[in-house]
Amino acid sequence: MSAHLGHASPLSSVQCSAPAPLGWSALIRRVVTVVETRVQLQELDERMLRDIGLTRRDALTEAARAPWDVDPGGQPQRL
């Protein structure tokens, strides 16, 4: 078997829409922000949760997710 390295592979023309990788400091800031936001979500009372269309169970489920569990744009996944 010989490898033909002189030509482009079929995947070389595929463009991805994934965001560029984050640097360490940006990644740490994003994780801290996600953790802080999820803690604040846990602290909302029933009226506030109702205002944003969530139940207590939704809030607790979101708060229990791993800090790195966010969509590619950096936002927590919708429930």
N, C-alpha and C. Protein backbone atom coordinates (compact mmCIF):
# COMPACT_ATOMS: atom_id res chain seq x y z
N MET A 1 0.84 -1.19 0.00
CA MET A 1 0.00 0.00 0.00
C MET A 1 0.88 1.24 0.00
N SER A 2 0.55 2.15 -0.82
CA SER A 2 1.31 3.40 -0.82
C SER A 2 0.36 4.55 -0.53
N ALA A 3 0.87 5.52 0.18
CA ALA A 3 0.06 6.68 0.53
C ALA A 3 0.27 7.76 -0.50
N HIS A 4 -0.80 8.36 -0.94
CA HIS A 4 -0.71 9.47 -1.88
C HIS A 4 -0.92 10.76 -1.09
N LEU A 5 0.18 11.38 -0.73
CA LEU A 5 0.10 12.57 0.10
C LEU A 5 0.09 13.85 -0.73
N GLY A 6 0.20 13.74 -2.03
CA GLY A 6 0.31 14.92 -2.86
C GLY A 6 -1.02 15.56 -3.21
N HIS A 7 -2.13 14.96 -2.86
CA HIS A 7 -3.43 15.55 -3.21
C HIS A 7 -4.26 15.77 -1.95
N ALA A 8 -5.23 16.62 -2.07
CA ALA A 8 -6.09 16.93 -0.93
C ALA A 8 -7.06 15.79 -0.68
N SER A 9 -7.33 15.54 0.57
CA SER A 9 -8.30 14.52 0.91
C SER A 9 -9.71 15.08 0.71
N PRO A 10 -10.71 14.23 0.57
CA PRO A 10 -12.08 14.72 0.39
C PRO A 10 -12.55 15.60 1.54
N LEU A 11 -12.02 15.40 2.73
CA LEU A 11 -12.45 16.19 3.87
C LEU A 11 -11.78 17.56 3.95
N SER A 12 -10.74 17.77 3.14
CA SER A 12 -10.02 19.04 3.24
C SER A 12 -10.87 20.22 2.79
N SER A 13 -11.90 19.99 2.00
CA SER A 13 -12.73 21.08 1.53
C SER A 13 -13.97 21.28 2.41
N VAL A 14 -14.16 20.43 3.42
CA VAL A 14 -15.31 20.54 4.31
C VAL A 14 -15.06 21.67 5.29
N GLN A 15 -16.02 22.56 5.40
CA GLN A 15 -15.89 23.67 6.34
C GLN A 15 -16.75 23.39 7.57
N CYS A 16 -16.16 23.57 8.72
CA CYS A 16 -16.88 23.35 9.98
C CYS A 16 -17.38 24.69 10.50
N SER A 17 -18.51 24.64 11.16
CA SER A 17 -19.04 25.86 11.75
C SER A 17 -18.74 25.94 13.24
N ALA A 18 -17.90 25.03 13.73
CA ALA A 18 -17.55 25.03 15.15
C ALA A 18 -16.72 26.26 15.48
N PRO A 19 -16.91 26.81 16.67
CA PRO A 19 -16.13 27.98 17.05
C PRO A 19 -14.66 27.63 17.23
N ALA A 20 -13.82 28.63 17.15
CA ALA A 20 -12.39 28.42 17.37
C ALA A 20 -12.16 27.98 18.81
N PRO A 21 -11.15 27.16 19.04
CA PRO A 21 -10.87 26.72 20.41
C PRO A 21 -10.57 27.91 21.32
N LEU A 22 -10.99 27.79 22.56
CA LEU A 22 -10.75 28.85 23.53
C LEU A 22 -9.36 28.71 24.13
N GLY A 23 -8.77 29.83 24.49
CA GLY A 23 -7.54 29.79 25.25
C GLY A 23 -7.88 29.40 26.68
N TRP A 24 -6.86 29.05 27.46
CA TRP A 24 -7.09 28.62 28.83
C TRP A 24 -7.82 29.66 29.66
N SER A 25 -7.44 30.91 29.55
CA SER A 25 -8.09 31.93 30.38
C SER A 25 -9.56 32.12 30.00
N ALA A 26 -9.85 32.07 28.70
CA ALA A 26 -11.24 32.20 28.26
C ALA A 26 -12.05 30.99 28.69
N LEU A 27 -11.45 29.82 28.63
CA LEU A 27 -12.14 28.60 29.06
C LEU A 27 -12.45 28.65 30.55
N ILE A 28 -11.50 29.08 31.34
CA ILE A 28 -11.71 29.19 32.80
C ILE A 28 -12.79 30.21 33.11
N ARG A 29 -12.76 31.36 32.41
CA ARG A 29 -13.81 32.38 32.62
C ARG A 29 -15.18 31.82 32.28
N ARG A 30 -15.27 31.06 31.19
CA ARG A 30 -16.56 30.51 30.79
C ARG A 30 -17.07 29.51 31.82
N VAL A 31 -16.19 28.64 32.31
CA VAL A 31 -16.59 27.65 33.30
C VAL A 31 -17.05 28.35 34.58
N VAL A 32 -16.31 29.36 35.03
CA VAL A 32 -16.69 30.10 36.24
C VAL A 32 -18.05 30.76 36.04
N THR A 33 -18.27 31.36 34.89
CA THR A 33 -19.55 32.01 34.60
C THR A 33 -20.70 31.00 34.62
N VAL A 34 -20.48 29.84 34.03
CA VAL A 34 -21.52 28.80 34.01
C VAL A 34 -21.83 28.35 35.43
N VAL A 35 -20.81 28.12 36.24
CA VAL A 35 -21.02 27.69 37.62
C VAL A 35 -21.79 28.76 38.39
N GLU A 36 -21.37 30.02 38.28
CA GLU A 36 -22.05 31.11 38.99
C GLU A 36 -23.51 31.22 38.56
N THR A 37 -23.76 31.13 37.26
CA THR A 37 -25.13 31.24 36.75
C THR A 37 -26.00 30.11 37.25
N ARG A 38 -25.46 28.92 37.29
CA ARG A 38 -26.24 27.78 37.75
C ARG A 38 -26.51 27.84 39.26
N VAL A 39 -25.58 28.39 40.01
CA VAL A 39 -25.82 28.59 41.45
C VAL A 39 -26.94 29.61 41.64
N GLN A 40 -26.89 30.70 40.88
CA GLN A 40 -27.93 31.73 40.97
C GLN A 40 -29.29 31.16 40.57
N LEU A 41 -29.31 30.29 39.59
CA LEU A 41 -30.57 29.66 39.17
C LEU A 41 -31.18 28.86 40.31
N GLN A 42 -30.35 28.16 41.07
CA GLN A 42 -30.84 27.38 42.21
C GLN A 42 -31.47 28.27 43.26
N GLU A 43 -31.01 29.51 43.36
CA GLU A 43 -31.46 30.41 44.41
C GLU A 43 -32.74 31.17 44.08
N LEU A 44 -33.23 31.05 42.84
CA LEU A 44 -34.45 31.76 42.47
C LEU A 44 -35.65 31.15 43.18
N ASP A 45 -36.60 32.02 43.58
CA ASP A 45 -37.82 31.51 44.21
C ASP A 45 -38.80 31.07 43.13
N GLU A 46 -39.90 30.47 43.56
CA GLU A 46 -40.88 29.90 42.62
C GLU A 46 -41.44 30.95 41.66
N ARG A 47 -41.71 32.15 42.16
CA ARG A 47 -42.25 33.21 41.31
C ARG A 47 -41.26 33.58 40.21
N MET A 48 -40.00 33.73 40.57
CA MET A 48 -38.98 34.09 39.58
C MET A 48 -38.80 32.97 38.55
N LEU A 49 -38.82 31.73 39.00
CA LEU A 49 -38.70 30.61 38.08
C LEU A 49 -39.88 30.59 37.11
N ARG A 50 -41.08 30.83 37.64
CA ARG A 50 -42.28 30.87 36.80
C ARG A 50 -42.15 31.99 35.75
N ASP A 51 -41.58 33.13 36.15
CA ASP A 51 -41.40 34.25 35.22
C ASP A 51 -40.52 33.88 34.03
N ILE A 52 -39.55 33.01 34.24
CA ILE A 52 -38.67 32.61 33.14
C ILE A 52 -39.06 31.27 32.54
N GLY A 53 -40.21 30.75 32.96
CA GLY A 53 -40.75 29.54 32.36
C GLY A 53 -40.10 28.24 32.80
N LEU A 54 -39.55 28.22 34.02
CA LEU A 54 -38.92 27.01 34.54
C LEU A 54 -39.61 26.55 35.81
N THR A 55 -39.51 25.27 36.06
CA THR A 55 -39.99 24.70 37.31
C THR A 55 -38.79 24.54 38.24
N ARG A 56 -39.06 24.25 39.50
CA ARG A 56 -37.97 23.98 40.46
C ARG A 56 -37.13 22.80 39.96
N ARG A 57 -37.82 21.78 39.45
CA ARG A 57 -37.10 20.60 38.93
C ARG A 57 -36.17 20.99 37.77
N ASP A 58 -36.68 21.84 36.85
CA ASP A 58 -35.84 22.31 35.73
C ASP A 58 -34.59 23.01 36.25
N ALA A 59 -34.79 23.89 37.23
CA ALA A 59 -33.67 24.66 37.79
C ALA A 59 -32.65 23.75 38.45
N LEU A 60 -33.11 22.78 39.20
CA LEU A 60 -32.20 21.87 39.88
C LEU A 60 -31.47 20.96 38.89
N THR A 61 -32.17 20.56 37.84
CA THR A 61 -31.54 19.73 36.79
C THR A 61 -30.44 20.52 36.09
N GLU A 62 -30.74 21.77 35.75
CA GLU A 62 -29.74 22.62 35.09
C GLU A 62 -28.55 22.87 36.02
N ALA A 63 -28.82 23.14 37.27
CA ALA A 63 -27.75 23.44 38.23
C ALA A 63 -26.85 22.23 38.48
N ALA A 64 -27.38 21.03 38.29
CA ALA A 64 -26.61 19.81 38.55
C ALA A 64 -25.71 19.43 37.37
N ARG A 65 -25.86 20.08 36.23
CA ARG A 65 -25.05 19.74 35.06
C ARG A 65 -23.59 20.11 35.28
N ALA A 66 -22.72 19.43 34.58
CA ALA A 66 -21.28 19.69 34.67
C ALA A 66 -20.97 21.08 34.10
N PRO A 67 -19.99 21.77 34.66
CA PRO A 67 -19.65 23.11 34.19
C PRO A 67 -19.28 23.18 32.71
N TRP A 68 -18.72 22.13 32.17
CA TRP A 68 -18.32 22.13 30.76
C TRP A 68 -19.46 21.72 29.84
N ASP A 69 -20.63 21.43 30.39
CA ASP A 69 -21.79 21.01 29.61
C ASP A 69 -22.53 22.24 29.09
N VAL A 70 -21.97 22.83 28.03
CA VAL A 70 -22.57 24.01 27.38
C VAL A 70 -22.54 23.79 25.88
N ASP A 71 -23.38 24.50 25.14
CA ASP A 71 -23.36 24.34 23.69
C ASP A 71 -22.12 25.00 23.11
N PRO A 72 -21.82 24.76 21.82
CA PRO A 72 -20.61 25.31 21.22
C PRO A 72 -20.50 26.83 21.29
N GLY A 73 -21.63 27.53 21.37
CA GLY A 73 -21.59 28.99 21.46
C GLY A 73 -21.32 29.49 22.88
N GLY A 74 -21.20 28.58 23.81
CA GLY A 74 -20.89 28.95 25.17
C GLY A 74 -22.08 29.15 26.08
N GLN A 75 -23.26 28.90 25.57
CA GLN A 75 -24.47 29.08 26.36
C GLN A 75 -24.95 27.75 26.90
N PRO A 76 -25.50 27.72 28.09
CA PRO A 76 -26.09 26.47 28.61
C PRO A 76 -27.16 25.97 27.66
N GLN A 77 -27.24 24.67 27.53
CA GLN A 77 -28.24 24.06 26.65
C GLN A 77 -29.65 24.37 27.15
N ARG A 78 -30.57 24.55 26.22
CA ARG A 78 -31.98 24.77 26.59
C ARG A 78 -32.55 23.46 27.12
N LEU A 79 -33.43 23.55 28.09
CA LEU A 79 -34.05 22.37 28.67
C LEU A 79 -35.07 21.77 27.75
